[in-house]
């Protein structure tokens, strides 16, 4: 079973990360724990840590229209950087949001507008 100390120890989670630079308003304090999830296996480990030691969770996308208290967020902030899982399980570009093309298939994630998708 994975613990938060395990995730911090191996560099997958960080403590007291300032959230202000990650929001469009550039306001707010730190997250107790911050994890950038770029692979399904890490998300599984985060789930194990949450099961062992439950904490509030905030899933952070592009940070638009998000206000964080000056005191921060007393839980785990997950920033999803999985672009898309393509045919055969391979990953595309790792970004918080956007559009990726897999041959004739297109995947959209993290909130890009329909206009952006159509321009792609």
PDB file of N, CA and C in Angstrom:
ATOM      1  N   UNK A   1       0.847  -1.177   0.000  1.00  0.00           N
ATOM      2  CA  UNK A   1       0.000   0.000   0.000  1.00  0.00           C
ATOM      3  C   UNK A   1       0.893   1.241   0.000  1.00  0.00           C
ATOM      4  N   UNK A   2       0.624   2.154  -0.894  1.00  0.00           N
ATOM      5  CA  UNK A   2       1.393   3.383  -1.022  1.00  0.00           C
ATOM      6  C   UNK A   2       0.937   4.414   0.006  1.00  0.00           C
ATOM      7  N   UNK A   3       1.896   5.119   0.604  1.00  0.00           N
ATOM      8  CA  UNK A   3       1.572   6.192   1.545  1.00  0.00           C
ATOM      9  C   UNK A   3       1.977   7.533   0.927  1.00  0.00           C
ATOM     10  N   UNK A   4       1.511   8.625   1.545  1.00  0.00           N
ATOM     11  CA  UNK A   4       1.894   9.957   1.077  1.00  0.00           C
ATOM     12  C   UNK A   4       3.391  10.165   1.228  1.00  0.00           C
ATOM     13  N   UNK A   5       3.967   9.636   2.315  1.00  0.00           N
ATOM     14  CA  UNK A   5       5.415   9.744   2.508  1.00  0.00           C
ATOM     15  C   UNK A   5       6.174   9.031   1.383  1.00  0.00           C
ATOM     16  N   UNK A   6       5.643   7.895   0.922  1.00  0.00           N
ATOM     17  CA  UNK A   6       6.260   7.187  -0.208  1.00  0.00           C
ATOM     18  C   UNK A   6       6.257   8.071  -1.460  1.00  0.00           C
ATOM     19  N   UNK A   7       5.115   8.693  -1.732  1.00  0.00           N
ATOM     20  CA  UNK A   7       4.989   9.522  -2.933  1.00  0.00           C
ATOM     21  C   UNK A   7       5.879  10.758  -2.851  1.00  0.00           C
ATOM     22  N   UNK A   8       5.983  11.358  -1.667  1.00  0.00           N
ATOM     23  CA  UNK A   8       6.877  12.504  -1.493  1.00  0.00           C
ATOM     24  C   UNK A   8       8.322  12.044  -1.603  1.00  0.00           C
ATOM     25  N   UNK A   9       8.634  10.917  -0.984  1.00  0.00           N
ATOM     26  CA  UNK A   9       9.993  10.394  -0.986  1.00  0.00           C
ATOM     27  C   UNK A   9      10.535  10.074  -2.370  1.00  0.00           C
ATOM     28  N   UNK A  10       9.653   9.576  -3.258  1.00  0.00           N
ATOM     29  CA  UNK A  10      10.143   9.242  -4.602  1.00  0.00           C
ATOM     30  C   UNK A  10       9.937  10.378  -5.599  1.00  0.00           C
ATOM     31  N   UNK A  11       9.536  11.546  -5.092  1.00  0.00           N
ATOM     32  CA  UNK A  11       9.432  12.738  -5.935  1.00  0.00           C
ATOM     33  C   UNK A  11       8.152  12.887  -6.730  1.00  0.00           C
ATOM     34  N   UNK A  12       7.174  12.002  -6.514  1.00  0.00           N
ATOM     35  CA  UNK A  12       5.915  12.111  -7.253  1.00  0.00           C
ATOM     36  C   UNK A  12       4.940  13.099  -6.621  1.00  0.00           C
ATOM     37  N   UNK A  13       5.100  13.370  -5.347  1.00  0.00           N
ATOM     38  CA  UNK A  13       4.263  14.351  -4.659  1.00  0.00           C
ATOM     39  C   UNK A  13       5.175  15.381  -4.009  1.00  0.00           C
ATOM     40  N   UNK A  14       4.673  16.617  -3.949  1.00  0.00           N
ATOM     41  CA  UNK A  14       5.426  17.686  -3.294  1.00  0.00           C
ATOM     42  C   UNK A  14       4.544  18.325  -2.234  1.00  0.00           C
ATOM     43  N   UNK A  15       5.160  18.786  -1.183  1.00  0.00           N
ATOM     44  CA  UNK A  15       4.439  19.439  -0.089  1.00  0.00           C
ATOM     45  C   UNK A  15       4.512  20.962  -0.244  1.00  0.00           C
ATOM     46  N   UNK A  16       3.439  21.628   0.217  1.00  0.00           N
ATOM     47  CA  UNK A  16       3.388  23.094   0.284  1.00  0.00           C
ATOM     48  C   UNK A  16       3.711  23.782  -1.040  1.00  0.00           C
ATOM     49  N   UNK A  17       3.069  23.336  -2.103  1.00  0.00           N
ATOM     50  CA  UNK A  17       3.262  23.935  -3.433  1.00  0.00           C
ATOM     51  C   UNK A  17       2.327  25.129  -3.581  1.00  0.00           C
ATOM     52  N   UNK A  18       2.897  26.265  -3.957  1.00  0.00           N
ATOM     53  CA  UNK A  18       2.128  27.490  -4.156  1.00  0.00           C
ATOM     54  C   UNK A  18       1.194  27.312  -5.355  1.00  0.00           C
ATOM     55  N   UNK A  19      -0.103  27.509  -5.137  1.00  0.00           N
ATOM     56  CA  UNK A  19      -1.083  27.315  -6.207  1.00  0.00           C
ATOM     57  C   UNK A  19      -1.334  28.577  -7.025  1.00  0.00           C
ATOM     58  N   UNK A  20      -0.967  29.742  -6.520  1.00  0.00           N
ATOM     59  CA  UNK A  20      -1.248  30.998  -7.224  1.00  0.00           C
ATOM     60  C   UNK A  20      -0.744  30.992  -8.671  1.00  0.00           C
ATOM     61  N   UNK A  21       0.482  30.567  -8.948  1.00  0.00           N
ATOM     62  CA  UNK A  21       0.939  30.588 -10.341  1.00  0.00           C
ATOM     63  C   UNK A  21       0.174  29.644 -11.268  1.00  0.00           C
ATOM     64  N   UNK A  22      -0.584  28.726 -10.703  1.00  0.00           N
ATOM     65  CA  UNK A  22      -1.311  27.742 -11.505  1.00  0.00           C
ATOM     66  C   UNK A  22      -2.749  28.146 -11.788  1.00  0.00           C
ATOM     67  N   UNK A  23      -3.151  29.336 -11.331  1.00  0.00           N
ATOM     68  CA  UNK A  23      -4.509  29.818 -11.566  1.00  0.00           C
ATOM     69  C   UNK A  23      -4.454  31.057 -12.449  1.00  0.00           C
ATOM     70  N   UNK A  24      -5.544  31.328 -13.158  1.00  0.00           N
ATOM     71  CA  UNK A  24      -5.566  32.506 -14.029  1.00  0.00           C
ATOM     72  C   UNK A  24      -5.609  33.795 -13.218  1.00  0.00           C
ATOM     73  N   UNK A  25      -6.138  33.765 -12.002  1.00  0.00           N
ATOM     74  CA  UNK A  25      -6.192  34.958 -11.161  1.00  0.00           C
ATOM     75  C   UNK A  25      -4.885  35.194 -10.403  1.00  0.00           C
ATOM     76  N   UNK A  26      -4.005  34.206 -10.384  1.00  0.00           N
ATOM     77  CA  UNK A  26      -2.696  34.295  -9.704  1.00  0.00           C
ATOM     78  C   UNK A  26      -2.839  34.623  -8.222  1.00  0.00           C
ATOM     79  N   UNK A  27      -3.856  34.017  -7.602  1.00  0.00           N
ATOM     80  CA  UNK A  27      -4.125  34.227  -6.183  1.00  0.00           C
ATOM     81  C   UNK A  27      -4.170  32.889  -5.470  1.00  0.00           C
ATOM     82  N   UNK A  28      -3.861  32.907  -4.174  1.00  0.00           N
ATOM     83  CA  UNK A  28      -4.049  31.725  -3.359  1.00  0.00           C
ATOM     84  C   UNK A  28      -2.776  31.222  -2.725  1.00  0.00           C
ATOM     85  N   UNK A  29      -2.977  30.410  -1.721  1.00  0.00           N
ATOM     86  CA  UNK A  29      -1.871  29.855  -0.963  1.00  0.00           C
ATOM     87  C   UNK A  29      -1.467  28.475  -1.438  1.00  0.00           C
ATOM     88  N   UNK A  30      -0.725  27.767  -0.593  1.00  0.00           N
ATOM     89  CA  UNK A  30      -0.172  26.470  -0.993  1.00  0.00           C
ATOM     90  C   UNK A  30      -1.134  25.298  -0.805  1.00  0.00           C
ATOM     91  N   UNK A  31      -0.846  24.233  -1.535  1.00  0.00           N
ATOM     92  CA  UNK A  31      -1.527  22.956  -1.334  1.00  0.00           C
ATOM     93  C   UNK A  31      -0.700  22.138  -0.352  1.00  0.00           C
ATOM     94  N   UNK A  32      -1.375  21.444   0.557  1.00  0.00           N
ATOM     95  CA  UNK A  32      -0.639  20.556   1.459  1.00  0.00           C
ATOM     96  C   UNK A  32       0.194  19.562   0.662  1.00  0.00           C
ATOM     97  N   UNK A  33      -0.440  18.944  -0.332  1.00  0.00           N
ATOM     98  CA  UNK A  33       0.242  17.991  -1.214  1.00  0.00           C
ATOM     99  C   UNK A  33      -0.151  18.292  -2.653  1.00  0.00           C
ATOM    100  N   UNK A  34       0.808  18.152  -3.559  1.00  0.00           N
ATOM    101  CA  UNK A  34       0.578  18.426  -4.973  1.00  0.00           C
ATOM    102  C   UNK A  34       1.162  17.277  -5.783  1.00  0.00           C
ATOM    103  N   UNK A  35       0.347  16.724  -6.682  1.00  0.00           N
ATOM    104  CA  UNK A  35       0.793  15.600  -7.513  1.00  0.00           C
ATOM    105  C   UNK A  35       0.426  15.900  -8.962  1.00  0.00           C
ATOM    106  N   UNK A  36       1.422  15.856  -9.852  1.00  0.00           N
ATOM    107  CA  UNK A  36       1.144  15.927 -11.277  1.00  0.00           C
ATOM    108  C   UNK A  36       1.073  14.499 -11.786  1.00  0.00           C
ATOM    109  N   UNK A  37      -0.119  14.116 -12.220  1.00  0.00           N
ATOM    110  CA  UNK A  37      -0.354  12.740 -12.657  1.00  0.00           C
ATOM    111  C   UNK A  37      -0.183  12.670 -14.158  1.00  0.00           C
ATOM    112  N   UNK A  38       0.856  11.947 -14.589  1.00  0.00           N
ATOM    113  CA  UNK A  38       1.136  11.815 -16.008  1.00  0.00           C
ATOM    114  C   UNK A  38       1.097  10.386 -16.500  1.00  0.00           C
ATOM    115  N   UNK A  39       0.700   9.474 -15.633  1.00  0.00           N
ATOM    116  CA  UNK A  39       0.614   8.069 -16.046  1.00  0.00           C
ATOM    117  C   UNK A  39      -0.403   7.356 -15.162  1.00  0.00           C
ATOM    118  N   UNK A  40      -1.114   6.399 -15.719  1.00  0.00           N
ATOM    119  CA  UNK A  40      -2.145   5.693 -14.950  1.00  0.00           C
ATOM    120  C   UNK A  40      -1.604   5.016 -13.697  1.00  0.00           C
ATOM    121  N   UNK A  41      -0.382   4.501 -13.729  1.00  0.00           N
ATOM    122  CA  UNK A  41       0.175   3.816 -12.561  1.00  0.00           C
ATOM    123  C   UNK A  41       0.315   4.768 -11.367  1.00  0.00           C
ATOM    124  N   UNK A  42       0.666   6.023 -11.655  1.00  0.00           N
ATOM    125  CA  UNK A  42       0.777   7.003 -10.566  1.00  0.00           C
ATOM    126  C   UNK A  42      -0.600   7.316  -9.991  1.00  0.00           C
ATOM    127  N   UNK A  43      -1.606   7.403 -10.834  1.00  0.00           N
ATOM    128  CA  UNK A  43      -2.963   7.641 -10.346  1.00  0.00           C
ATOM    129  C   UNK A  43      -3.413   6.491  -9.442  1.00  0.00           C
ATOM    130  N   UNK A  44      -3.028   5.279  -9.771  1.00  0.00           N
ATOM    131  CA  UNK A  44      -3.329   4.119  -8.922  1.00  0.00           C
ATOM    132  C   UNK A  44      -2.661   4.267  -7.567  1.00  0.00           C
ATOM    133  N   UNK A  45      -1.408   4.701  -7.547  1.00  0.00           N
ATOM    134  CA  UNK A  45      -0.684   4.899  -6.284  1.00  0.00           C
ATOM    135  C   UNK A  45      -1.320   6.004  -5.455  1.00  0.00           C
ATOM    136  N   UNK A  46      -1.772   7.070  -6.101  1.00  0.00           N
ATOM    137  CA  UNK A  46      -2.466   8.146  -5.383  1.00  0.00           C
ATOM    138  C   UNK A  46      -3.746   7.599  -4.761  1.00  0.00           C
ATOM    139  N   UNK A  47      -4.472   6.772  -5.503  1.00  0.00           N
ATOM    140  CA  UNK A  47      -5.682   6.145  -4.967  1.00  0.00           C
ATOM    141  C   UNK A  47      -5.386   5.285  -3.750  1.00  0.00           C
ATOM    142  N   UNK A  48      -4.276   4.555  -3.779  1.00  0.00           N
ATOM    143  CA  UNK A  48      -3.877   3.743  -2.619  1.00  0.00           C
ATOM    144  C   UNK A  48      -3.565   4.630  -1.418  1.00  0.00           C
ATOM    145  N   UNK A  49      -2.860   5.730  -1.654  1.00  0.00           N
ATOM    146  CA  UNK A  49      -2.531   6.647  -0.555  1.00  0.00           C
ATOM    147  C   UNK A  49      -3.798   7.279   0.014  1.00  0.00           C
ATOM    148  N   UNK A  50      -4.747   7.618  -0.852  1.00  0.00           N
ATOM    149  CA  UNK A  50      -6.020   8.179  -0.383  1.00  0.00           C
ATOM    150  C   UNK A  50      -6.813   7.160   0.433  1.00  0.00           C
ATOM    151  N   UNK A  51      -6.760   5.892   0.032  1.00  0.00           N
ATOM    152  CA  UNK A  51      -7.463   4.848   0.780  1.00  0.00           C
ATOM    153  C   UNK A  51      -6.838   4.662   2.162  1.00  0.00           C
ATOM    154  N   UNK A  52      -5.498   4.742   2.213  1.00  0.00           N
ATOM    155  CA  UNK A  52      -4.799   4.546   3.484  1.00  0.00           C
ATOM    156  C   UNK A  52      -4.906   5.762   4.395  1.00  0.00           C
ATOM    157  N   UNK A  53      -4.885   6.947   3.804  1.00  0.00           N
ATOM    158  CA  UNK A  53      -4.946   8.193   4.576  1.00  0.00           C
ATOM    159  C   UNK A  53      -5.800   9.197   3.805  1.00  0.00           C
ATOM    160  N   UNK A  54      -7.122   9.154   3.998  1.00  0.00           N
ATOM    161  CA  UNK A  54      -8.024  10.023   3.238  1.00  0.00           C
ATOM    162  C   UNK A  54      -7.730  11.510   3.465  1.00  0.00           C
ATOM    163  N   UNK A  55      -7.821  12.268   2.391  1.00  0.00           N
ATOM    164  CA  UNK A  55      -7.639  13.717   2.414  1.00  0.00           C
ATOM    165  C   UNK A  55      -8.588  14.327   1.390  1.00  0.00           C
ATOM    166  N   UNK A  56      -8.936  15.589   1.567  1.00  0.00           N
ATOM    167  CA  UNK A  56      -9.707  16.267   0.512  1.00  0.00           C
ATOM    168  C   UNK A  56      -8.894  16.306  -0.774  1.00  0.00           C
ATOM    169  N   UNK A  57      -9.584  16.236  -1.912  1.00  0.00           N
ATOM    170  CA  UNK A  57      -8.913  16.219  -3.214  1.00  0.00           C
ATOM    171  C   UNK A  57      -9.472  17.339  -4.079  1.00  0.00           C
ATOM    172  N   UNK A  58      -8.569  18.047  -4.743  1.00  0.00           N
ATOM    173  CA  UNK A  58      -8.927  19.053  -5.738  1.00  0.00           C
ATOM    174  C   UNK A  58      -8.240  18.663  -7.035  1.00  0.00           C
ATOM    175  N   UNK A  59      -9.033  18.447  -8.090  1.00  0.00           N
ATOM    176  CA  UNK A  59      -8.457  18.143  -9.398  1.00  0.00           C
ATOM    177  C   UNK A  59      -8.315  19.461 -10.138  1.00  0.00           C
ATOM    178  N   UNK A  60      -7.075  19.793 -10.489  1.00  0.00           N
ATOM    179  CA  UNK A  60      -6.756  21.074 -11.116  1.00  0.00           C
ATOM    180  C   UNK A  60      -6.568  20.879 -12.607  1.00  0.00           C
ATOM    181  N   UNK A  61      -7.330  21.621 -13.375  1.00  0.00           N
ATOM    182  CA  UNK A  61      -7.156  21.604 -14.828  1.00  0.00           C
ATOM    183  C   UNK A  61      -6.255  22.745 -15.230  1.00  0.00           C
ATOM    184  N   UNK A  62      -6.815  23.681 -15.958  1.00  0.00           N
ATOM    185  CA  UNK A  62      -6.036  24.828 -16.415  1.00  0.00           C
ATOM    186  C   UNK A  62      -6.029  25.955 -15.394  1.00  0.00           C
ATOM    187  N   UNK A  63      -6.795  25.835 -14.324  1.00  0.00           N
ATOM    188  CA  UNK A  63      -6.790  26.842 -13.276  1.00  0.00           C
ATOM    189  C   UNK A  63      -7.652  28.050 -13.562  1.00  0.00           C
ATOM    190  N   UNK A  64      -8.481  27.977 -14.607  1.00  0.00           N
ATOM    191  CA  UNK A  64      -9.335  29.122 -14.921  1.00  0.00           C
ATOM    192  C   UNK A  64     -10.542  29.134 -13.992  1.00  0.00           C
ATOM    193  N   UNK A  65     -10.925  30.343 -13.602  1.00  0.00           N
ATOM    194  CA  UNK A  65     -12.068  30.549 -12.713  1.00  0.00           C
ATOM    195  C   UNK A  65     -11.931  29.779 -11.404  1.00  0.00           C
ATOM    196  N   UNK A  66     -10.718  29.680 -10.915  1.00  0.00           N
ATOM    197  CA  UNK A  66     -10.450  28.990  -9.658  1.00  0.00           C
ATOM    198  C   UNK A  66      -9.857  29.984  -8.674  1.00  0.00           C
ATOM    199  N   UNK A  67     -10.511  30.124  -7.531  1.00  0.00           N
ATOM    200  CA  UNK A  67      -9.982  30.950  -6.453  1.00  0.00           C
ATOM    201  C   UNK A  67      -9.543  30.039  -5.323  1.00  0.00           C
ATOM    202  N   UNK A  68      -8.319  30.199  -4.880  1.00  0.00           N
ATOM    203  CA  UNK A  68      -7.777  29.425  -3.778  1.00  0.00           C
ATOM    204  C   UNK A  68      -7.602  30.381  -2.604  1.00  0.00           C
ATOM    205  N   UNK A  69      -8.015  29.961  -1.429  1.00  0.00           N
ATOM    206  CA  UNK A  69      -7.871  30.800  -0.238  1.00  0.00           C
ATOM    207  C   UNK A  69      -6.404  31.132   0.006  1.00  0.00           C
ATOM    208  N   UNK A  70      -6.151  32.281   0.615  1.00  0.00           N
ATOM    209  CA  UNK A  70      -4.772  32.654   0.946  1.00  0.00           C
ATOM    210  C   UNK A  70      -4.122  31.624   1.865  1.00  0.00           C
ATOM    211  N   UNK A  71      -4.957  30.943   2.651  1.00  0.00           N
ATOM    212  CA  UNK A  71      -4.428  29.906   3.543  1.00  0.00           C
ATOM    213  C   UNK A  71      -4.095  28.616   2.793  1.00  0.00           C
ATOM    214  N   UNK A  72      -4.500  28.537   1.522  1.00  0.00           N
ATOM    215  CA  UNK A  72      -4.187  27.373   0.699  1.00  0.00           C
ATOM    216  C   UNK A  72      -5.276  26.329   0.709  1.00  0.00           C
ATOM    217  N   UNK A  73      -4.913  25.135   0.281  1.00  0.00           N
ATOM    218  CA  UNK A  73      -5.838  24.004   0.219  1.00  0.00           C
ATOM    219  C   UNK A  73      -5.301  22.895   1.105  1.00  0.00           C
ATOM    220  N   UNK A  74      -6.071  22.522   2.100  1.00  0.00           N
ATOM    221  CA  UNK A  74      -5.650  21.511   3.067  1.00  0.00           C
ATOM    222  C   UNK A  74      -5.935  20.102   2.603  1.00  0.00           C
ATOM    223  N   UNK A  75      -5.357  19.728   1.507  1.00  0.00           N
ATOM    224  CA  UNK A  75      -5.567  18.394   0.973  1.00  0.00           C
ATOM    225  C   UNK A  75      -4.597  18.139  -0.155  1.00  0.00           C
ATOM    226  N   UNK A  76      -5.028  17.295  -1.098  1.00  0.00           N
ATOM    227  CA  UNK A  76      -4.199  16.897  -2.224  1.00  0.00           C
ATOM    228  C   UNK A  76      -4.719  17.566  -3.488  1.00  0.00           C
ATOM    229  N   UNK A  77      -3.842  18.258  -4.200  1.00  0.00           N
ATOM    230  CA  UNK A  77      -4.185  18.817  -5.499  1.00  0.00           C
ATOM    231  C   UNK A  77      -3.598  17.897  -6.556  1.00  0.00           C
ATOM    232  N   UNK A  78      -4.465  17.399  -7.437  1.00  0.00           N
ATOM    233  CA  UNK A  78      -4.036  16.555  -8.554  1.00  0.00           C
ATOM    234  C   UNK A  78      -4.099  17.378  -9.820  1.00  0.00           C
ATOM    235  N   UNK A  79      -2.975  17.513 -10.478  1.00  0.00           N
ATOM    236  CA  UNK A  79      -2.952  18.185 -11.775  1.00  0.00           C
ATOM    237  C   UNK A  79      -2.747  17.114 -12.825  1.00  0.00           C
ATOM    238  N   UNK A  80      -3.766  16.912 -13.643  1.00  0.00           N
ATOM    239  CA  UNK A  80      -3.727  15.852 -14.640  1.00  0.00           C
ATOM    240  C   UNK A  80      -2.968  16.334 -15.865  1.00  0.00           C
ATOM    241  N   UNK A  81      -1.910  15.636 -16.202  1.00  0.00           N
ATOM    242  CA  UNK A  81      -1.120  15.991 -17.373  1.00  0.00           C
ATOM    243  C   UNK A  81      -1.092  14.854 -18.381  1.00  0.00           C
ATOM    244  N   UNK A  82      -2.052  13.943 -18.268  1.00  0.00           N
ATOM    245  CA  UNK A  82      -2.183  12.879 -19.255  1.00  0.00           C
ATOM    246  C   UNK A  82      -2.880  13.478 -20.465  1.00  0.00           C
ATOM    247  N   UNK A  83      -2.190  13.537 -21.575  1.00  0.00           N
ATOM    248  CA  UNK A  83      -2.779  14.118 -22.772  1.00  0.00           C
ATOM    249  C   UNK A  83      -3.884  13.225 -23.299  1.00  0.00           C
ATOM    250  N   UNK A  84      -3.534  12.022 -23.606  1.00  0.00           N
ATOM    251  CA  UNK A  84      -4.507  11.077 -24.135  1.00  0.00           C
ATOM    252  C   UNK A  84      -3.853   9.708 -24.188  1.00  0.00           C
ATOM    253  N   UNK A  85      -4.650   8.703 -24.061  1.00  0.00           N
ATOM    254  CA  UNK A  85      -4.146   7.346 -24.243  1.00  0.00           C
ATOM    255  C   UNK A  85      -4.632   6.898 -25.608  1.00  0.00           C
ATOM    256  N   UNK A  86      -3.692   6.634 -26.465  1.00  0.00           N
ATOM    257  CA  UNK A  86      -4.037   6.298 -27.833  1.00  0.00           C
ATOM    258  C   UNK A  86      -4.218   4.815 -28.040  1.00  0.00           C
ATOM    259  N   UNK A  87      -4.411   4.431 -29.275  1.00  0.00           N
ATOM    260  CA  UNK A  87      -4.537   3.012 -29.601  1.00  0.00           C
ATOM    261  C   UNK A  87      -3.309   2.249 -29.103  1.00  0.00           C
ATOM    262  N   UNK A  88      -3.523   1.130 -28.499  1.00  0.00           N
ATOM    263  CA  UNK A  88      -2.419   0.337 -27.973  1.00  0.00           C
ATOM    264  C   UNK A  88      -1.911   0.811 -26.621  1.00  0.00           C
ATOM    265  N   UNK A  89      -2.562   1.843 -26.032  1.00  0.00           N
ATOM    266  CA  UNK A  89      -2.188   2.303 -24.695  1.00  0.00           C
ATOM    267  C   UNK A  89      -1.071   3.315 -24.650  1.00  0.00           C
ATOM    268  N   UNK A  90      -0.558   3.784 -25.787  1.00  0.00           N
ATOM    269  CA  UNK A  90       0.516   4.772 -25.780  1.00  0.00           C
ATOM    270  C   UNK A  90       0.008   6.150 -25.415  1.00  0.00           C
ATOM    271  N   UNK A  91       0.911   6.995 -24.917  1.00  0.00           N
ATOM    272  CA  UNK A  91       0.544   8.350 -24.512  1.00  0.00           C
ATOM    273  C   UNK A  91       0.901   9.350 -25.597  1.00  0.00           C
ATOM    274  N   UNK A  92       0.087  10.386 -25.696  1.00  0.00           N
ATOM    275  CA  UNK A  92       0.405  11.526 -26.558  1.00  0.00           C
ATOM    276  C   UNK A  92       1.161  12.559 -25.751  1.00  0.00           C
ATOM    277  N   UNK A  93       1.139  13.802 -26.214  1.00  0.00           N
ATOM    278  CA  UNK A  93       1.832  14.885 -25.517  1.00  0.00           C
ATOM    279  C   UNK A  93       1.250  15.062 -24.129  1.00  0.00           C
ATOM    280  N   UNK A  94       2.098  15.286 -23.139  1.00  0.00           N
ATOM    281  CA  UNK A  94       1.630  15.494 -21.769  1.00  0.00           C
ATOM    282  C   UNK A  94       1.451  16.981 -21.514  1.00  0.00           C
ATOM    283  N   UNK A  95       0.209  17.416 -21.431  1.00  0.00           N
ATOM    284  CA  UNK A  95      -0.139  18.808 -21.145  1.00  0.00           C
ATOM    285  C   UNK A  95      -1.386  18.806 -20.291  1.00  0.00           C
ATOM    286  N   UNK A  96      -1.613  19.887 -19.517  1.00  0.00           N
ATOM    287  CA  UNK A  96      -2.806  19.923 -18.669  1.00  0.00           C
ATOM    288  C   UNK A  96      -4.110  19.874 -19.454  1.00  0.00           C
ATOM    289  N   UNK A  97      -4.126  20.417 -20.671  1.00  0.00           N
ATOM    290  CA  UNK A  97      -5.353  20.363 -21.456  1.00  0.00           C
ATOM    291  C   UNK A  97      -5.009  20.539 -22.920  1.00  0.00           C
ATOM    292  N   UNK A  98      -5.928  20.158 -23.765  1.00  0.00           N
ATOM    293  CA  UNK A  98      -5.704  20.357 -25.179  1.00  0.00           C
ATOM    294  C   UNK A  98      -6.360  19.321 -26.049  1.00  0.00           C
ATOM    295  N   UNK A  99      -5.817  19.198 -27.239  1.00  0.00           N
ATOM    296  CA  UNK A  99      -6.355  18.293 -28.243  1.00  0.00           C
ATOM    297  C   UNK A  99      -5.183  17.510 -28.822  1.00  0.00           C
ATOM    298  N   UNK A 100      -5.380  16.242 -29.059  1.00  0.00           N
ATOM    299  CA  UNK A 100      -4.329  15.424 -29.672  1.00  0.00           C
ATOM    300  C   UNK A 100      -4.958  14.549 -30.744  1.00  0.00           C
ATOM    301  N   UNK A 101      -4.216  14.320 -31.819  1.00  0.00           N
ATOM    302  CA  UNK A 101      -4.706  13.506 -32.930  1.00  0.00           C
ATOM    303  C   UNK A 101      -3.984  12.162 -32.913  1.00  0.00           C
ATOM    304  N   UNK A 102      -4.756  11.093 -33.052  1.00  0.00           N
ATOM    305  CA  UNK A 102      -4.224   9.725 -33.152  1.00  0.00           C
ATOM    306  C   UNK A 102      -4.702   9.174 -34.481  1.00  0.00           C
ATOM    307  N   UNK A 103      -3.950   9.402 -35.534  1.00  0.00           N
ATOM    308  CA  UNK A 103      -4.383   8.947 -36.856  1.00  0.00           C
ATOM    309  C   UNK A 103      -5.652   9.669 -37.253  1.00  0.00           C
ATOM    310  N   UNK A 104      -6.750   8.934 -37.370  1.00  0.00           N
ATOM    311  CA  UNK A 104      -8.023   9.545 -37.743  1.00  0.00           C
ATOM    312  C   UNK A 104      -8.875   9.889 -36.526  1.00  0.00           C
ATOM    313  N   UNK A 105      -8.383   9.581 -35.313  1.00  0.00           N
ATOM    314  CA  UNK A 105      -9.137   9.873 -34.085  1.00  0.00           C
ATOM    315  C   UNK A 105      -8.587  11.121 -33.424  1.00  0.00           C
ATOM    316  N   UNK A 106      -9.469  11.893 -32.786  1.00  0.00           N
ATOM    317  CA  UNK A 106      -9.073  13.093 -32.063  1.00  0.00           C
ATOM    318  C   UNK A 106      -9.599  12.975 -30.637  1.00  0.00           C
ATOM    319  N   UNK A 107      -8.744  13.283 -29.666  1.00  0.00           N
ATOM    320  CA  UNK A 107      -9.154  13.278 -28.263  1.00  0.00           C
ATOM    321  C   UNK A 107      -9.061  14.688 -27.705  1.00  0.00           C
ATOM    322  N   UNK A 108     -10.027  15.045 -26.874  1.00  0.00           N
ATOM    323  CA  UNK A 108     -10.057  16.347 -26.225  1.00  0.00           C
ATOM    324  C   UNK A 108     -10.099  16.104 -24.734  1.00  0.00           C
ATOM    325  N   UNK A 109      -9.350  16.893 -23.952  1.00  0.00           N
ATOM    326  CA  UNK A 109      -9.323  16.708 -22.510  1.00  0.00           C
ATOM    327  C   UNK A 109      -9.059  18.040 -21.837  1.00  0.00           C
ATOM    328  N   UNK A 110      -9.440  18.149 -20.587  1.00  0.00           N
ATOM    329  CA  UNK A 110      -9.087  19.290 -19.763  1.00  0.00           C
ATOM    330  C   UNK A 110      -9.749  20.593 -20.120  1.00  0.00           C
ATOM    331  N   UNK A 111     -10.774  20.593 -20.941  1.00  0.00           N
ATOM    332  CA  UNK A 111     -11.570  21.778 -21.149  1.00  0.00           C
ATOM    333  C   UNK A 111     -11.320  22.645 -22.362  1.00  0.00           C
ATOM    334  N   UNK A 112     -10.596  22.217 -23.420  1.00  0.00           N
ATOM    335  CA  UNK A 112     -10.512  23.090 -24.575  1.00  0.00           C
ATOM    336  C   UNK A 112     -11.893  23.277 -25.196  1.00  0.00           C
ATOM    337  N   UNK A 113     -12.120  24.442 -25.724  1.00  0.00           N
ATOM    338  CA  UNK A 113     -13.438  24.751 -26.273  1.00  0.00           C
ATOM    339  C   UNK A 113     -13.697  23.965 -27.550  1.00  0.00           C
ATOM    340  N   UNK A 114     -14.976  23.917 -27.922  1.00  0.00           N
ATOM    341  CA  UNK A 114     -15.352  23.252 -29.166  1.00  0.00           C
ATOM    342  C   UNK A 114     -14.729  23.974 -30.352  1.00  0.00           C
ATOM    343  N   UNK A 115     -14.608  25.303 -30.259  1.00  0.00           N
ATOM    344  CA  UNK A 115     -13.987  26.071 -31.354  1.00  0.00           C
ATOM    345  C   UNK A 115     -12.546  25.632 -31.550  1.00  0.00           C
ATOM    346  N   UNK A 116     -11.819  25.449 -30.456  1.00  0.00           N
ATOM    347  CA  UNK A 116     -10.427  24.993 -30.571  1.00  0.00           C
ATOM    348  C   UNK A 116     -10.375  23.595 -31.184  1.00  0.00           C
ATOM    349  N   UNK A 117     -11.308  22.743 -30.772  1.00  0.00           N
ATOM    350  CA  UNK A 117     -11.347  21.388 -31.317  1.00  0.00           C
ATOM    351  C   UNK A 117     -11.612  21.429 -32.823  1.00  0.00           C
ATOM    352  N   UNK A 118     -12.552  22.270 -33.246  1.00  0.00           N
ATOM    353  CA  UNK A 118     -12.876  22.348 -34.672  1.00  0.00           C
ATOM    354  C   UNK A 118     -11.721  22.925 -35.490  1.00  0.00           C
ATOM    355  N   UNK A 119     -10.957  23.860 -34.903  1.00  0.00           N
ATOM    356  CA  UNK A 119      -9.805  24.437 -35.615  1.00  0.00           C
ATOM    357  C   UNK A 119      -8.662  23.435 -35.729  1.00  0.00           C
ATOM    358  N   UNK A 120      -8.630  22.437 -34.840  1.00  0.00           N
ATOM    359  CA  UNK A 120      -7.565  21.459 -34.833  1.00  0.00           C
ATOM    360  C   UNK A 120      -7.600  20.654 -36.107  1.00  0.00           C
TER     361      UNK A 120
END
